[in-house]
Protein backbone atom coordinates (compact mmCIF):
# COMPACT_ATOMS: atom_id res chain seq x y z
CA MET A 1 47.24 -1.13 -49.88
CA GLN A 2 48.65 -2.20 -46.54
CA ALA A 3 47.65 1.18 -45.08
CA GLU A 4 44.08 0.74 -46.27
CA THR A 5 43.94 -2.77 -44.86
CA GLY A 6 45.23 -1.52 -41.51
CA GLN A 7 42.59 1.19 -41.39
CA ILE A 8 39.85 -1.36 -42.11
CA LEU A 9 41.10 -3.68 -39.38
CA GLN A 10 41.34 -0.84 -36.91
CA SER A 11 37.83 0.27 -37.80
CA GLU A 12 36.49 -3.26 -37.28
CA LYS A 13 38.17 -3.40 -33.86
CA LYS A 14 36.49 -0.14 -32.81
CA ARG A 15 33.05 -1.27 -33.98
CA PRO A 16 32.26 -3.65 -31.04
CA GLY A 17 33.36 -1.00 -28.57
CA LEU A 18 31.04 1.54 -30.20
CA ILE A 19 28.16 -0.93 -30.08
CA PHE A 20 28.71 -1.59 -26.38
CA LEU A 21 28.92 2.16 -25.75
CA LEU A 22 25.61 2.74 -27.52
CA ILE A 23 23.95 -0.12 -25.61
CA GLY A 24 25.28 1.22 -22.29
CA SER A 25 24.08 4.73 -23.11
CA GLY A 26 20.66 3.35 -24.02
CA LEU A 27 20.38 1.46 -20.73
CA ILE A 28 21.36 4.54 -18.73
CA LEU A 29 18.80 6.64 -20.60
CA ALA A 30 16.11 4.01 -20.00
CA ALA A 31 16.94 3.93 -16.27
CA LEU A 32 16.72 7.72 -16.07
CA ILE A 33 13.36 7.75 -17.86
CA LEU A 34 12.04 5.02 -15.52
CA ALA A 35 13.25 6.92 -12.44
CA LEU A 36 11.64 10.14 -13.71
CA TYR A 37 8.38 8.29 -14.38
CA PHE A 38 8.38 6.89 -10.84
CA ILE A 39 9.03 10.34 -9.32
CA VAL A 40 6.19 11.92 -11.30
CA ALA A 41 3.81 9.05 -10.48
CA GLU A 42 4.72 9.24 -6.79
CA ARG A 43 4.06 12.98 -6.63
CA ARG A 44 0.69 12.56 -8.31
CA ALA A 45 -0.19 9.73 -5.92
CA ASP A 46 0.88 11.81 -2.90
CA GLN A 47 -1.39 14.66 -3.92
CA ALA A 48 -4.29 12.34 -4.73
CA ILE A 49 -4.13 10.45 -1.44
CA SER A 50 -3.86 13.69 0.57
CA ASN A 51 -7.10 14.95 -0.97
CA ILE A 52 -8.88 11.62 -0.61
CA SER A 53 -7.73 11.13 2.97
CA THR A 54 -9.22 14.48 3.99
CA ASP A 55 -12.59 13.55 2.49
CA VAL A 56 -12.70 10.02 3.94
CA THR A 57 -11.64 11.23 7.40
CA SER A 58 -14.33 13.91 7.31
CA VAL A 59 -17.05 11.35 6.56
CA ILE A 60 -15.82 8.99 9.29
CA LYS A 61 -15.69 11.83 11.85
CA LYS A 62 -19.35 12.57 11.15
CA LYS A 63 -20.23 8.92 11.69
CA GLN A 64 -18.27 8.88 14.94
CA LYS A 65 -20.07 11.98 16.16
CA LYS A 66 -23.45 10.39 15.42
CA ALA A 67 -22.34 7.17 17.11
CA SER A 68 -21.32 9.08 20.23
CA GLU A 69 -24.74 10.74 20.35
CA ASP A 70 -26.46 7.38 19.94
CA ALA A 71 -24.03 5.71 22.39
CA ASP A 72 -23.49 2.85 19.93
CA GLN A 73 -21.05 0.11 20.95
CA VAL A 74 -19.24 -2.42 18.78
CA ASP A 75 -19.23 -6.17 19.38
CA PRO A 76 -16.71 -7.93 17.07
CA ASP A 77 -18.46 -11.29 17.47
CA LEU A 78 -21.68 -9.86 16.03
CA LEU A 79 -19.87 -8.54 12.93
CA LYS A 80 -18.17 -11.75 11.74
CA ASP A 81 -20.80 -12.57 9.09
CA ARG A 82 -21.25 -9.00 7.93
CA ASP A 83 -19.95 -7.35 4.77
CA MET A 84 -17.73 -4.34 5.36
CA PRO A 85 -19.59 -1.02 5.03
CA THR A 86 -18.20 1.61 2.66
CA VAL A 87 -18.14 5.35 2.10
CA THR A 88 -18.19 6.70 -1.46
CA ILE A 89 -15.97 9.60 -2.55
CA ASP A 90 -16.05 10.73 -6.20
CA GLY A 91 -17.61 7.44 -7.25
CA VAL A 92 -14.99 5.28 -5.49
CA GLU A 93 -15.93 3.07 -2.53
CA TYR A 94 -13.65 3.00 0.55
CA ILE A 95 -13.86 0.50 3.41
CA GLY A 96 -12.12 2.85 5.84
CA GLU A 97 -8.57 4.00 6.50
CA LEU A 98 -5.32 2.82 8.03
CA TYR A 99 -3.61 4.95 10.64
CA VAL A 100 0.08 4.42 11.45
CA PRO A 101 0.89 6.31 14.69
CA THR A 102 4.67 5.95 14.23
CA TYR A 103 4.57 8.08 11.07
CA LYS A 104 1.25 9.88 11.73
CA LEU A 105 0.27 8.40 8.38
CA ARG A 106 -3.39 8.15 7.38
CA LEU A 107 -4.25 6.01 4.35
CA PRO A 108 -7.76 5.54 2.91
CA VAL A 109 -8.39 2.00 1.66
CA ILE A 110 -10.40 1.33 -1.50
CA SER A 111 -12.89 -1.54 -1.32
CA SER A 112 -11.68 -3.41 -4.43
CA TRP A 113 -8.24 -3.90 -5.94
CA SER A 114 -7.20 -2.84 -9.44
CA TYR A 115 -4.11 -1.23 -10.97
CA ASP A 116 -5.98 2.04 -11.48
CA ASN A 117 -7.33 2.06 -7.92
CA LEU A 118 -3.87 1.29 -6.54
CA LYS A 119 -2.60 4.54 -8.10
CA LEU A 120 -5.06 6.43 -5.89
CA SER A 121 -4.54 4.67 -2.56
CA PRO A 122 -4.08 1.23 -0.94
CA CYS A 123 -6.77 -1.32 -1.82
CA ARG A 124 -8.39 -4.35 -0.26
CA TYR A 125 -6.75 -7.30 -2.03
CA THR A 126 -8.85 -9.98 -0.40
CA GLY A 127 -10.59 -10.87 2.87
CA ASN A 128 -12.80 -9.14 5.41
CA LEU A 129 -11.81 -7.05 8.42
CA TYR A 130 -14.54 -8.57 10.58
CA GLN A 131 -13.52 -12.14 9.76
CA GLY A 132 -9.88 -11.47 10.65
CA ASN A 133 -8.36 -12.24 7.25
CA LEU A 134 -8.11 -8.84 5.56
CA VAL A 135 -5.23 -8.36 3.06
CA ILE A 136 -4.43 -4.85 1.81
CA ALA A 137 -2.12 -3.97 -1.10
CA GLY A 138 -0.33 -0.63 -1.44
CA HIS A 139 2.24 0.99 -3.71
CA ASN A 140 5.77 1.47 -2.39
CA TYR A 141 5.41 5.26 -2.57
CA ARG A 142 6.57 7.28 0.44
CA ARG A 143 2.99 8.43 1.10
CA HIS A 144 1.65 4.88 0.68
CA PHE A 145 3.26 1.69 2.06
CA SER A 146 6.98 2.36 1.59
CA PRO A 147 7.64 3.43 5.24
CA LEU A 148 5.88 0.40 6.72
CA ARG A 149 8.76 -2.00 6.02
CA TRP A 150 10.87 -0.09 8.56
CA LEU A 151 8.42 -0.60 11.42
CA SER A 152 9.69 -2.71 14.31
CA GLU A 153 7.81 -5.69 15.71
CA GLY A 154 5.20 -4.58 18.21
CA SER A 155 4.40 -1.34 16.35
CA GLU A 156 0.73 -0.40 16.32
CA ILE A 157 -1.35 0.11 13.19
CA ASP A 158 -5.03 1.00 13.41
CA PHE A 159 -7.81 0.41 10.92
CA ILE A 160 -10.79 2.73 11.19
CA ASP A 161 -13.77 1.16 9.43
CA ALA A 162 -16.38 3.11 7.49
CA GLU A 163 -18.57 3.41 10.59
CA GLY A 164 -15.79 4.91 12.70
CA ASN A 165 -14.88 1.89 14.82
CA THR A 166 -11.12 1.53 15.40
CA TRP A 167 -9.51 -1.89 15.14
CA LYS A 168 -6.07 -1.90 16.74
CA TYR A 169 -3.28 -4.19 15.52
CA GLU A 170 0.27 -5.03 16.50
CA LEU A 171 2.96 -5.88 13.94
CA SER A 172 4.05 -9.49 14.41
CA ARG A 173 6.56 -9.83 11.59
CA VAL A 174 7.78 -8.48 8.25
CA GLU A 175 8.64 -11.04 5.59
CA ILE A 176 9.76 -10.85 1.96
CA LEU A 177 7.86 -13.00 -0.54
CA ASN A 178 8.44 -13.68 -4.21
CA PRO A 179 5.79 -12.47 -6.71
CA GLY A 180 4.77 -16.09 -7.34
CA GLU A 181 3.95 -16.70 -3.67
CA VAL A 182 0.49 -15.12 -3.78
CA ASN A 183 -1.07 -18.29 -2.39
CA ARG A 184 1.25 -18.14 0.60
CA LEU A 185 0.41 -14.48 1.10
CA THR A 186 -3.35 -15.05 1.20
CA ALA A 187 -3.26 -18.46 2.89
CA SER A 188 -1.16 -17.12 5.75
CA SER A 189 -3.77 -14.43 6.33
CA ASP A 190 -5.72 -17.11 8.20
CA SER A 191 -2.96 -17.05 10.84
CA TYR A 192 -2.97 -13.25 11.12
CA ASP A 193 -5.80 -10.76 11.49
CA LEU A 194 -4.40 -8.23 9.01
CA THR A 195 -1.82 -8.43 6.23
CA LEU A 196 -0.33 -5.47 4.35
CA PHE A 197 2.00 -5.84 1.37
CA THR A 198 3.89 -3.74 -1.15
CA CYS A 199 6.61 -4.17 -3.78
CA THR A 200 10.29 -3.91 -3.00
CA VAL A 201 12.29 -1.36 -4.99
CA GLY A 202 12.30 -2.62 -8.56
CA GLY A 203 9.27 -4.84 -7.96
CA GLY A 204 11.22 -8.09 -7.65
CA SER A 205 9.69 -9.16 -4.31
CA ARG A 206 6.96 -8.21 -1.85
CA TYR A 207 7.36 -6.74 1.63
CA THR A 208 4.63 -8.38 3.68
CA MET A 209 3.56 -7.05 7.09
CA ARG A 210 1.67 -9.49 9.33
CA LEU A 211 -0.42 -8.12 12.20
CA LYS A 212 -2.47 -9.43 15.11
CA ARG A 213 -5.51 -7.65 16.52
CA ILE A 214 -5.02 -6.29 20.04
CA GLY A 215 -8.30 -4.48 20.58
CA VAL A 216 -11.36 -2.70 19.22
CA THR A 217 -12.64 0.74 20.15
CA SER A 218 -16.16 1.72 19.18
CA ALA A 219 -16.93 4.86 17.20
CA ALA A 220 -18.62 6.29 20.27
CA GLU A 221 -15.34 6.06 22.20
CA GLU A 222 -13.22 7.32 19.29
CA VAL A 223 -15.03 10.60 18.66
CA GLU A 224 -12.09 12.64 20.01
CA LYS A 225 -9.37 10.69 18.14
CA PHE A 226 -9.19 13.00 15.16
């Protein structure tokens, strides 16, 4: 009888340890599945944006060539009240593309933000390039916005609009915002000409890149850029 009682007590002592072991194993398995999902999603996004970038760049190059033939010039003051032009690729509208010289990274930017669009490429979150308050959201994939958080202040980032004009910006600061600080993110865009943001690893916060415009080059002058 005492032996049976001892076995029962010993079994009850082992039970919590087994439960914790199962919980720990489940958490590890969930983390591995999440990591695998992210890797697969990132690879798909990399391939998608490579294909899209080629198409968008090709359209913009044609517009630049035409602009050079027509000797068109750009006057930022005349564009302030204008909607941003777009190019359409496979039914999706793009307002242009970002070019990051430091990484030789070219990123097409979709005109409107949505979760599905964000899987393809960075998207306009709010604002207008010509009014100096454009905010662009991007995933933290390596081929999207992940590298941008490592840029140093003073780094150049260009935005080539859908007509081939190049708007040059300089990185003023990188700040980390909480997910609930969306108002601060968009309100502060009035103090900067361009804002780019992406999630930190795990999605707990937002890396936010603030930029000031340092110049504009017309499509006619940019025909040799690509």
